[in-house]
Amino acid sequence: MQTEGIKVSDELSKLPPQVQERFLRLQQLQQTLQSVLAQKQQVDMEQNEVEQTLAELQKTADDAVIYKGIGSLLVKAEKAKVTEELVERKELLTTRSTVLAKQEERLRSQVKEVQTKLQEDLSQVSPPSP
């Protein structure tokens, strides 16, 4: 496994510095994109959970006893207050999801651009003769 990494590293070191930098930039962009996708997935999951909780709260009577989790404790709370907090959380998550979607779009565009330039660079670099 490690020999493959060394082999790729050796091959990379034979490329011109500009191509090496572009390759490393591509790797960095791809890692950032993966991070943004993971964050977006987490936000979307939390957003769905909040929406489901709000839907369940709407089904309960206004005078129903409601408990909310605070750390490892369940604390009695007013339905209106919990609903208000969840609506605020949902709005925050919606905003965060929108920001992450824009970041994802921008990163995908940058990855595509760098890939195209890298392919152009590599097509200009003739493979070393054996």
Protein backbone atom coordinates (compact mmCIF):
# COMPACT_ATOMS: atom_id res chain seq x y z
CA MET A 1 0.00 0.00 0.00
CA GLN A 2 2.75 2.42 0.95
CA THR A 3 4.74 1.58 -2.18
CA GLU A 4 1.86 2.91 -4.29
CA GLY A 5 2.05 6.24 -2.42
CA ILE A 6 5.80 6.40 -3.01
CA LYS A 7 5.32 5.50 -6.67
CA VAL A 8 2.73 8.26 -7.16
CA SER A 9 4.95 10.67 -5.25
CA ASP A 10 7.92 9.76 -7.48
CA GLU A 11 5.83 10.24 -10.60
CA LEU A 12 4.51 13.55 -9.26
CA SER A 13 8.02 14.81 -8.53
CA LYS A 14 8.94 14.24 -12.20
CA LEU A 15 6.27 16.71 -13.29
CA PRO A 16 6.93 20.44 -13.68
CA PRO A 17 6.41 22.47 -10.47
CA GLN A 18 3.33 24.24 -11.88
CA VAL A 19 1.66 20.88 -12.59
CA GLN A 20 2.60 19.58 -9.13
CA GLU A 21 1.06 22.66 -7.52
CA ARG A 22 -2.11 22.28 -9.60
CA PHE A 23 -2.36 18.61 -8.64
CA LEU A 24 -1.99 19.46 -4.94
CA ARG A 25 -4.56 22.25 -5.33
CA LEU A 26 -6.98 19.73 -6.85
CA GLN A 27 -6.48 17.37 -3.91
CA GLN A 28 -7.04 20.25 -1.46
CA LEU A 29 -10.25 21.32 -3.23
CA GLN A 30 -11.55 17.75 -3.26
CA GLN A 31 -10.89 17.39 0.48
CA THR A 32 -12.65 20.69 1.18
CA LEU A 33 -15.58 19.60 -0.97
CA GLN A 34 -15.85 16.32 0.97
CA SER A 35 -15.86 18.28 4.23
CA VAL A 36 -18.60 20.63 2.99
CA LEU A 37 -20.67 17.66 1.78
CA ALA A 38 -20.38 16.00 5.19
CA GLN A 39 -21.39 19.23 6.96
CA LYS A 40 -24.31 19.67 4.57
CA GLN A 41 -25.49 16.12 5.20
CA GLN A 42 -25.32 16.70 8.96
CA VAL A 43 -27.28 19.96 8.69
CA ASP A 44 -29.91 18.34 6.46
CA MET A 45 -30.34 15.47 8.93
CA GLU A 46 -30.76 17.88 11.83
CA GLN A 47 -33.17 19.98 9.78
CA ASN A 48 -35.32 16.91 9.07
CA GLU A 49 -35.29 16.02 12.75
CA VAL A 50 -36.43 19.53 13.73
CA GLU A 51 -39.20 19.43 11.11
CA GLN A 52 -40.43 16.06 12.37
CA THR A 53 -40.36 17.32 15.96
CA LEU A 54 -42.36 20.42 14.98
CA ALA A 55 -44.89 18.23 13.16
CA GLU A 56 -45.32 16.07 16.27
CA LEU A 57 -45.65 19.16 18.49
CA GLN A 58 -48.47 20.47 16.29
CA LYS A 59 -50.39 17.24 16.93
CA THR A 60 -50.20 17.66 20.72
CA ALA A 61 -52.63 19.67 22.80
CA ASP A 62 -51.49 23.11 23.91
CA ASP A 63 -51.69 22.05 27.56
CA ALA A 64 -49.81 18.78 27.02
CA VAL A 65 -46.78 18.14 29.20
CA ILE A 66 -43.65 18.58 27.06
CA TYR A 67 -40.09 17.68 27.96
CA LYS A 68 -36.99 18.81 26.13
CA GLY A 69 -33.51 17.42 26.30
CA ILE A 70 -30.79 19.51 27.87
CA GLY A 71 -27.58 17.54 27.86
CA SER A 72 -28.42 14.21 29.47
CA LEU A 73 -31.47 15.64 31.27
CA LEU A 74 -35.11 15.90 30.28
CA VAL A 75 -36.67 19.12 31.55
CA LYS A 76 -40.34 20.07 31.56
CA ALA A 77 -41.00 22.93 29.12
CA GLU A 78 -43.85 24.97 27.68
CA LYS A 79 -45.03 23.86 24.24
CA ALA A 80 -45.03 27.42 22.87
CA LYS A 81 -41.48 28.06 24.05
CA VAL A 82 -40.19 24.75 22.63
CA THR A 83 -42.00 25.42 19.35
CA GLU A 84 -40.46 28.90 19.14
CA GLU A 85 -36.96 27.53 19.80
CA LEU A 86 -37.42 24.83 17.14
CA VAL A 87 -38.67 27.32 14.55
CA GLU A 88 -35.60 29.49 15.21
CA ARG A 89 -33.34 26.43 14.94
CA LYS A 90 -35.00 25.43 11.68
CA GLU A 91 -34.42 28.92 10.23
CA LEU A 92 -30.78 28.83 11.29
CA LEU A 93 -30.32 25.37 9.74
CA THR A 94 -32.01 26.50 6.52
CA THR A 95 -29.60 29.42 6.27
CA ARG A 96 -26.62 27.16 7.02
CA SER A 97 -27.80 24.66 4.41
CA THR A 98 -28.08 27.43 1.80
CA VAL A 99 -24.55 28.67 2.59
CA LEU A 100 -23.16 25.12 2.36
CA ALA A 101 -24.98 24.53 -0.95
CA LYS A 102 -23.36 27.67 -2.37
CA GLN A 103 -19.95 26.55 -1.09
CA GLU A 104 -20.50 23.13 -2.64
CA GLU A 105 -21.44 24.67 -5.99
CA ARG A 106 -18.39 26.95 -5.95
CA LEU A 107 -16.05 24.10 -4.96
CA ARG A 108 -17.43 21.78 -7.66
CA SER A 109 -16.83 24.52 -10.21
CA GLN A 110 -13.28 25.06 -8.95
CA VAL A 111 -12.56 21.31 -8.98
CA LYS A 112 -13.80 21.05 -12.56
CA GLU A 113 -11.72 24.05 -13.62
CA VAL A 114 -8.53 22.72 -11.99
CA GLN A 115 -9.16 19.23 -13.45
CA THR A 116 -9.48 20.73 -16.93
CA LYS A 117 -6.28 22.75 -16.53
CA LEU A 118 -4.47 19.74 -15.09
CA GLN A 119 -5.52 17.59 -18.05
CA GLU A 120 -4.25 20.30 -20.40
CA ASP A 121 -0.97 20.44 -18.47
CA LEU A 122 -0.57 16.67 -18.53
CA SER A 123 -1.31 16.43 -22.23
CA GLN A 124 1.54 18.91 -22.85
CA VAL A 125 3.97 16.92 -20.70
CA SER A 126 5.24 14.01 -22.73
CA PRO A 127 5.55 10.76 -20.75
CA PRO A 128 9.14 9.87 -19.85
CA SER A 129 10.65 7.25 -22.11
CA PRO A 130 11.33 3.86 -20.40
